[in-house]
Protein backbone atom coordinates (compact mmCIF):
# COMPACT_ATOMS: atom_id res chain seq x y z
CA MET A 1 29.64 -58.72 -29.52
CA ARG A 2 32.58 -59.06 -27.15
CA THR A 3 35.89 -57.28 -26.82
CA ASN A 4 38.59 -57.07 -24.19
CA VAL A 5 39.36 -53.45 -25.09
CA ARG A 6 37.40 -50.71 -23.32
CA PHE A 7 36.64 -47.65 -25.40
CA SER A 8 34.83 -44.37 -24.74
CA ILE A 9 32.24 -42.52 -26.77
CA GLY A 10 32.44 -38.74 -26.67
CA TYR A 11 29.20 -36.83 -26.40
CA ALA A 12 29.03 -33.09 -27.12
CA ALA A 13 26.00 -30.83 -26.72
CA PRO A 14 24.74 -27.95 -24.58
CA LEU A 15 24.58 -29.37 -21.06
CA THR A 16 23.98 -25.97 -19.46
CA GLY A 17 21.93 -22.98 -20.55
CA PRO A 18 18.53 -22.89 -22.28
CA GLN A 19 19.30 -25.59 -24.84
CA SER A 20 20.25 -28.10 -22.17
CA ILE A 21 16.51 -28.83 -22.15
CA VAL A 22 17.35 -31.12 -25.09
CA GLY A 23 21.09 -31.66 -24.68
CA VAL A 24 20.92 -33.33 -21.27
CA PRO A 25 18.11 -35.81 -22.13
CA MET A 26 20.05 -36.76 -25.25
CA LEU A 27 23.02 -37.57 -23.02
CA ARG A 28 20.76 -39.85 -20.99
CA VAL A 29 19.81 -41.68 -24.21
CA VAL A 30 23.51 -42.20 -25.05
CA GLU A 31 24.05 -43.56 -21.54
CA MET A 32 21.03 -45.84 -21.91
CA ALA A 33 22.40 -47.21 -25.17
CA THR A 34 25.83 -47.92 -23.69
CA THR A 35 24.25 -49.62 -20.69
CA ASP A 36 22.31 -51.86 -23.07
CA LEU A 37 25.51 -52.71 -24.91
CA SER A 38 27.29 -53.63 -21.69
CA ARG A 39 24.74 -56.42 -21.20
CA ASP A 40 25.98 -57.84 -24.51
CA GLY A 41 29.58 -57.67 -23.36
CA LEU A 42 30.62 -54.43 -25.07
CA GLU A 43 31.83 -52.05 -22.39
CA LEU A 44 31.72 -48.39 -23.45
CA ASP A 45 32.28 -45.36 -21.28
CA VAL A 46 30.71 -41.99 -22.08
CA VAL A 47 32.78 -38.83 -21.94
CA ALA A 48 30.38 -35.88 -22.04
CA VAL A 49 31.44 -32.29 -22.76
CA ASP A 50 29.38 -29.11 -22.65
CA ASP A 51 29.63 -27.01 -25.82
CA ALA A 52 27.14 -24.44 -24.42
CA ALA A 53 25.62 -24.19 -27.94
CA ASP A 54 28.59 -21.93 -28.73
CA ASP A 55 30.96 -22.35 -31.68
CA PRO A 56 34.29 -21.41 -30.01
CA THR A 57 33.41 -23.53 -26.99
CA ALA A 58 32.57 -26.43 -29.28
CA ALA A 59 36.00 -26.25 -30.90
CA ARG A 60 37.67 -26.25 -27.47
CA VAL A 61 35.74 -29.22 -26.12
CA ALA A 62 36.39 -31.07 -29.38
CA GLU A 63 40.11 -30.72 -28.64
CA THR A 64 39.42 -32.25 -25.23
CA LEU A 65 37.77 -35.28 -26.78
CA VAL A 66 40.48 -35.63 -29.42
CA GLY A 67 43.11 -35.54 -26.68
CA ASN A 68 41.48 -38.42 -24.82
CA ALA A 69 43.04 -41.53 -26.39
CA ALA A 70 40.17 -43.74 -25.18
CA VAL A 71 37.56 -41.80 -27.21
CA ILE A 72 36.91 -43.84 -30.35
CA ALA A 73 34.05 -41.74 -31.80
CA VAL A 74 31.81 -38.78 -30.96
CA VAL A 75 28.03 -38.42 -30.85
CA GLY A 76 27.08 -34.79 -31.49
CA HIS A 77 27.06 -31.92 -31.61
CA LYS A 78 23.39 -31.00 -31.21
CA ASN A 79 23.55 -27.71 -33.09
CA SER A 80 24.80 -26.99 -36.59
CA GLY A 81 27.15 -24.14 -35.64
CA PRO A 82 28.99 -26.08 -32.94
CA SER A 83 29.04 -29.15 -35.20
CA GLY A 84 30.75 -27.15 -37.91
CA ALA A 85 33.19 -25.55 -35.49
CA ALA A 86 34.20 -28.93 -34.07
CA ALA A 87 34.19 -30.93 -37.32
CA PRO A 88 37.66 -29.85 -38.58
CA VAL A 89 39.12 -30.73 -35.19
CA TYR A 90 37.71 -34.24 -35.42
CA ALA A 91 38.69 -34.55 -39.07
CA ALA A 92 42.32 -33.67 -38.33
CA ALA A 93 42.38 -36.42 -35.70
CA GLY A 94 40.49 -38.98 -37.80
CA LEU A 95 37.79 -39.17 -35.14
CA ALA A 96 34.34 -40.12 -36.44
CA GLN A 97 31.58 -37.63 -35.58
CA LEU A 98 27.98 -38.82 -35.76
CA SER A 99 25.49 -35.99 -35.38
CA GLN A 100 21.96 -36.96 -34.47
CA CYS A 101 20.31 -33.65 -35.36
CA ALA A 102 22.62 -30.98 -36.85
CA THR A 103 20.94 -30.15 -40.17
CA ASP A 104 23.12 -27.54 -41.93
CA ASN A 105 23.87 -28.80 -45.45
CA ALA A 106 27.39 -27.38 -45.30
CA LEU A 107 28.34 -30.05 -42.78
CA THR A 108 28.39 -32.74 -45.46
CA ARG A 109 29.75 -30.45 -48.17
CA SER A 110 32.93 -29.27 -46.49
CA GLY A 111 35.06 -32.31 -47.22
CA TRP A 112 35.30 -33.66 -43.66
CA PRO A 113 35.60 -37.45 -44.05
CA THR A 114 34.75 -37.98 -40.39
CA PHE A 115 31.31 -36.29 -40.35
CA PHE A 116 28.15 -38.42 -40.56
CA ARG A 117 24.55 -37.26 -40.18
CA LEU A 118 21.72 -39.47 -38.85
CA CYS A 119 18.88 -37.02 -39.60
CA ALA A 120 17.69 -35.18 -42.70
CA ASP A 121 19.28 -31.91 -43.77
CA ASN A 122 18.01 -28.33 -43.99
CA GLU A 123 17.23 -28.35 -47.68
CA ARG A 124 14.97 -31.40 -47.43
CA GLN A 125 13.13 -29.82 -44.50
CA ALA A 126 12.79 -26.47 -46.23
CA ALA A 127 11.51 -28.10 -49.42
CA ALA A 128 8.89 -30.10 -47.50
CA ALA A 129 7.69 -26.98 -45.68
CA ALA A 130 7.60 -24.85 -48.83
CA GLU A 131 5.79 -27.47 -50.87
CA TYR A 132 3.17 -27.94 -48.18
CA ALA A 133 2.72 -24.18 -47.83
CA ALA A 134 2.35 -23.66 -51.58
CA SER A 135 -0.07 -26.54 -52.15
CA ARG A 136 -2.16 -26.36 -48.96
CA LEU A 137 -1.85 -22.88 -47.44
CA HIS A 138 -1.59 -20.65 -50.54
CA PRO A 139 0.01 -17.66 -48.78
CA ARG A 140 -0.05 -14.27 -50.48
CA MET A 141 2.22 -12.42 -48.05
CA PRO A 142 4.72 -14.99 -46.73
CA MET A 143 7.51 -13.94 -44.40
CA ALA A 144 10.33 -15.77 -42.65
CA VAL A 145 12.73 -15.03 -39.84
CA HIS A 146 16.01 -16.71 -38.92
CA ASP A 147 18.33 -16.52 -35.93
CA ARG A 148 21.51 -15.72 -37.93
CA THR A 149 23.00 -19.11 -37.12
CA SER A 150 24.35 -21.72 -39.51
CA TYR A 151 21.16 -23.65 -38.74
CA GLY A 152 18.52 -20.96 -39.09
CA ARG A 153 19.89 -18.74 -41.86
CA PRO A 154 20.39 -21.40 -44.60
CA LEU A 155 17.15 -23.09 -43.59
CA VAL A 156 15.17 -19.90 -44.11
CA ASP A 157 17.06 -19.04 -47.29
CA ALA A 158 16.21 -22.46 -48.76
CA PHE A 159 12.56 -22.15 -47.70
CA ALA A 160 12.25 -18.66 -49.16
CA ARG A 161 13.77 -19.67 -52.49
CA ARG A 162 11.56 -22.72 -52.82
CA LEU A 163 8.30 -21.07 -51.77
CA THR A 164 8.93 -18.05 -54.00
CA ALA A 165 9.50 -20.37 -56.96
CA LEU A 166 6.39 -22.42 -56.22
CA SER A 167 3.97 -19.64 -55.29
CA GLY A 168 5.21 -16.65 -57.26
CA HIS A 169 5.07 -14.58 -54.06
CA GLN A 170 8.33 -13.13 -52.75
CA VAL A 171 9.12 -14.22 -49.18
CA GLY A 172 10.17 -11.36 -46.94
CA VAL A 173 13.08 -12.37 -44.70
CA LEU A 174 13.85 -10.85 -41.29
CA GLU A 175 16.52 -11.59 -38.69
CA MET A 176 16.56 -12.14 -34.95
CA ARG A 177 19.36 -13.30 -32.68
CA VAL A 178 20.01 -16.13 -30.27
CA GLY A 179 18.96 -15.04 -26.79
CA GLN A 180 16.53 -12.40 -28.04
CA GLU A 181 13.49 -11.79 -25.87
CA ASP A 182 11.92 -8.59 -27.27
CA PHE A 183 10.33 -9.23 -30.66
CA ALA A 184 8.26 -6.07 -30.92
CA ALA A 185 10.14 -4.69 -33.94
CA ILE A 186 9.86 -7.95 -35.86
CA VAL A 187 6.18 -8.35 -35.05
CA THR A 188 5.48 -4.75 -36.09
CA LYS A 189 7.10 -5.34 -39.48
CA MET A 190 5.16 -8.55 -40.00
CA ARG A 191 1.86 -6.93 -39.13
CA ALA A 192 2.61 -3.93 -41.33
CA ALA A 193 3.27 -6.31 -44.23
CA LYS A 194 0.04 -8.18 -43.41
CA ALA A 195 1.96 -11.44 -43.30
CA ASP A 196 -0.34 -14.44 -43.61
CA LEU A 197 2.43 -17.04 -43.21
CA VAL A 198 5.44 -16.80 -40.90
CA TYR A 199 8.22 -19.37 -41.20
CA ILE A 200 10.68 -19.48 -38.30
CA GLY A 201 14.21 -20.85 -38.63
CA ALA A 202 15.46 -21.08 -35.06
CA THR A 203 15.60 -23.49 -32.14
CA GLU A 204 12.58 -24.12 -29.95
CA ILE A 205 13.78 -21.43 -27.50
CA GLU A 206 13.66 -18.32 -29.69
CA GLY A 207 11.03 -19.87 -31.93
CA SER A 208 8.57 -20.24 -29.08
CA ARG A 209 9.23 -16.69 -27.90
CA LEU A 210 8.49 -15.26 -31.32
CA MET A 211 5.35 -17.34 -31.59
CA MET A 212 4.10 -15.95 -28.29
CA ALA A 213 4.92 -12.40 -29.36
CA LEU A 214 2.96 -12.83 -32.59
CA ARG A 215 -0.10 -14.14 -30.82
CA GLU A 216 0.09 -11.47 -28.11
CA ALA A 217 -0.02 -8.91 -30.93
CA ALA A 218 -3.13 -10.62 -32.32
CA SER A 219 -1.39 -11.82 -35.49
CA GLU A 220 -3.42 -14.49 -37.24
CA ALA A 221 -0.60 -15.55 -39.56
CA GLN A 222 -0.07 -19.27 -40.02
CA ILE A 223 3.15 -20.18 -38.22
CA MET A 224 5.57 -22.81 -39.52
CA THR A 225 8.89 -23.93 -38.00
CA SER A 226 11.38 -26.79 -38.29
CA GLU A 227 10.99 -27.77 -34.64
CA GLY A 228 8.49 -30.60 -35.01
CA GLY A 229 8.04 -34.08 -33.64
CA PRO A 230 6.08 -35.27 -30.61
CA GLN A 231 9.02 -34.96 -28.23
CA ASN A 232 9.90 -31.37 -29.10
CA PRO A 233 9.57 -29.05 -26.07
CA LEU A 234 8.25 -26.21 -28.22
CA THR A 235 4.62 -26.94 -27.36
CA GLY A 236 5.34 -26.59 -23.66
CA LEU A 237 7.47 -23.49 -24.15
CA ALA A 238 5.00 -21.66 -26.40
CA GLY A 239 1.81 -22.83 -24.68
CA ASP A 240 -1.39 -21.67 -26.35
CA ALA A 241 0.59 -19.67 -28.92
CA ALA A 242 1.67 -22.94 -30.54
CA GLU A 243 -1.88 -24.08 -31.28
CA GLY A 244 -2.42 -24.66 -34.99
CA SER A 245 1.23 -24.15 -35.92
CA ILE A 246 2.88 -26.49 -38.44
CA HIS A 247 6.36 -27.97 -38.11
CA THR A 248 8.74 -30.14 -40.05
CA TYR A 249 10.84 -32.76 -38.27
CA ALA A 250 14.14 -33.98 -39.67
CA GLY A 251 14.02 -37.15 -37.59
CA THR A 252 12.07 -40.34 -37.84
CA ASP A 253 8.47 -40.42 -36.65
CA PRO A 254 8.94 -42.16 -33.28
CA ASN A 255 5.52 -43.72 -33.72
CA GLY A 256 6.49 -45.09 -37.12
CA THR A 257 7.96 -48.41 -35.96
CA GLU A 258 7.41 -50.64 -32.97
CA ALA A 259 11.11 -50.49 -32.08
CA ALA A 260 11.07 -46.67 -32.03
CA GLN A 261 7.90 -46.67 -29.95
CA ARG A 262 9.49 -48.99 -27.40
CA LEU A 263 12.52 -46.74 -27.15
CA ILE A 264 10.37 -43.67 -26.51
CA GLU A 265 8.41 -45.58 -23.85
CA ARG A 266 11.67 -46.60 -22.18
CA CYS A 267 12.90 -43.01 -22.19
CA GLU A 268 9.70 -41.82 -20.59
CA ARG A 269 9.87 -44.58 -18.01
CA GLU A 270 13.59 -44.55 -17.21
CA ILE A 271 14.79 -40.99 -17.75
CA GLY A 272 11.59 -39.01 -17.29
CA GLY A 273 10.94 -38.21 -20.94
CA ALA A 274 12.27 -38.61 -24.45
CA PRO A 275 14.07 -35.76 -26.20
CA SER A 276 13.70 -34.83 -29.84
CA PHE A 277 15.87 -37.10 -32.00
CA ALA A 278 15.98 -39.74 -29.27
CA VAL A 279 15.86 -42.44 -31.94
CA GLU A 280 18.75 -40.95 -33.93
CA THR A 281 20.76 -40.45 -30.74
CA TYR A 282 20.43 -44.10 -29.79
CA GLU A 283 21.12 -45.16 -33.38
CA ALA A 284 24.38 -43.19 -33.43
CA VAL A 285 25.62 -45.39 -30.60
CA MET A 286 24.36 -48.47 -32.46
CA VAL A 287 26.46 -47.56 -35.50
CA ILE A 288 29.58 -47.13 -33.36
CA ALA A 289 28.92 -50.42 -31.57
CA ASP A 290 28.41 -52.23 -34.86
CA ALA A 291 31.80 -50.97 -36.06
CA LEU A 292 33.48 -52.17 -32.87
CA ALA A 293 31.74 -55.53 -33.07
CA GLY A 294 33.07 -55.84 -36.60
CA GLY A 295 36.62 -55.56 -35.33
CA ALA A 296 37.46 -51.84 -35.47
CA LYS A 297 40.13 -51.07 -32.89
CA THR A 298 41.46 -47.68 -33.97
CA ARG A 299 39.86 -44.36 -34.84
CA ALA A 300 40.74 -44.86 -38.49
CA GLU A 301 39.25 -48.35 -38.58
CA LEU A 302 36.10 -47.16 -36.87
CA ARG A 303 35.69 -44.21 -39.25
CA ASP A 304 36.03 -46.55 -42.22
CA ALA A 305 33.52 -48.97 -40.71
CA VAL A 306 31.00 -46.19 -40.14
CA ALA A 307 31.42 -45.02 -43.74
CA ALA A 308 30.63 -48.56 -44.89
CA ALA A 309 27.83 -49.17 -42.34
CA ASP A 310 24.67 -50.84 -43.54
CA LEU A 311 22.43 -51.93 -40.69
CA GLU A 312 18.84 -51.87 -39.55
CA GLY A 313 18.13 -49.24 -36.91
CA PHE A 314 14.99 -48.50 -34.93
CA SER A 315 13.78 -46.24 -37.73
CA GLY A 316 14.92 -48.31 -40.70
CA ARG A 317 18.07 -48.70 -42.74
CA ILE A 318 21.19 -46.82 -41.69
CA LYS A 319 23.58 -46.31 -44.57
CA PHE A 320 25.60 -43.23 -45.50
CA ASP A 321 26.42 -41.80 -48.89
CA PRO A 322 30.01 -40.72 -49.65
CA SER A 323 29.40 -37.26 -48.17
CA GLY A 324 28.20 -38.66 -44.83
CA GLU A 325 24.47 -38.12 -45.39
CA ARG A 326 22.14 -40.88 -44.23
CA ILE A 327 20.47 -42.31 -47.31
CA GLY A 328 16.70 -41.91 -47.18
CA ALA A 329 16.62 -39.86 -43.96
CA PRO A 330 12.95 -39.02 -43.41
CA VAL A 331 11.19 -35.67 -43.01
CA SER A 332 7.73 -35.51 -41.45
CA LEU A 333 5.14 -32.77 -40.91
CA TRP A 334 3.37 -32.03 -37.64
CA ARG A 335 0.60 -29.73 -36.46
CA VAL A 336 -0.06 -28.64 -32.89
CA THR A 337 -3.59 -29.67 -32.01
CA GLY A 338 -4.92 -29.54 -28.47
CA GLY A 339 -1.46 -28.73 -27.17
CA ARG A 340 0.14 -31.80 -28.78
CA MET A 341 2.17 -32.43 -31.91
CA THR A 342 0.05 -34.54 -34.25
CA PRO A 343 1.25 -35.95 -37.59
CA VAL A 344 0.08 -34.32 -40.78
CA ALA A 345 -0.79 -36.88 -43.43
CA VAL A 346 1.01 -35.73 -46.56
CA ASP A 347 3.29 -37.41 -49.06
CA LEU A 348 6.77 -35.93 -48.67
């Protein structure tokens, strides 16, 4: 795996603000992966940009990456909204975009030939959550709340449709907003409806705040979110309010393979902790490196190589369908027990 040409990988995510709690550690994983590659003779620089989890900012920083001739591909963005805002910029430039964790289904249905997703999508997560709720929890008054984003809204809509169809009980849907801190009105409505299941479609920031508000109001509703996995910071953010909650995770179980386990251990040892989707973040760099090792020297050649990729990652096979979805991307279920995310044994 040797080349005399030095390329750069763009990395785009929130590097400041509340969501930098995940965005910055993901950057460290990208840097770790490129350092590993340098030992094999493939020199890759990392050009990191801060999208601030904001759509207009994401489009602007995408232009910055596109304008840097050395950038051969991009890892990111973390969030669905910024990913969608940046995707047409990358598509116009023929610059491959590999997102490790943006789950909005629209990202692979908008005709962007440069977008590739390493994780599972919203609809698969929502279906897993709804099927578990219908078969194991049997809610009679289910409710859901989303954060109005292109991540949370379609996720909740898909969950509500599926659970209503499976259970026969209509799911009441409420809205909150990114940055919200006062959830009294939402909690009051949920308690008035006697909600026995609350599904939250939002990041770990607002999700944890709503969870705390529900428990402070003595709500006993079962809480479900899509912010699962053992590395998710939600448990620390929500504290005792997270106990007993159930979560889907659109990434691989990091305990599922020895290679993934070793990566998580390295992250904990070398960068002070592993972020959610650490495996998919590292794998995104692996896919780019594999394309370069195969002889790709231009953005167009690299995009084509990624589209045709078929390699073994830390979590299993990495291969994309024509829309850019990873074939067989896993979804897992987790429950918070004793302050820790523990896997829920269920066939998904």
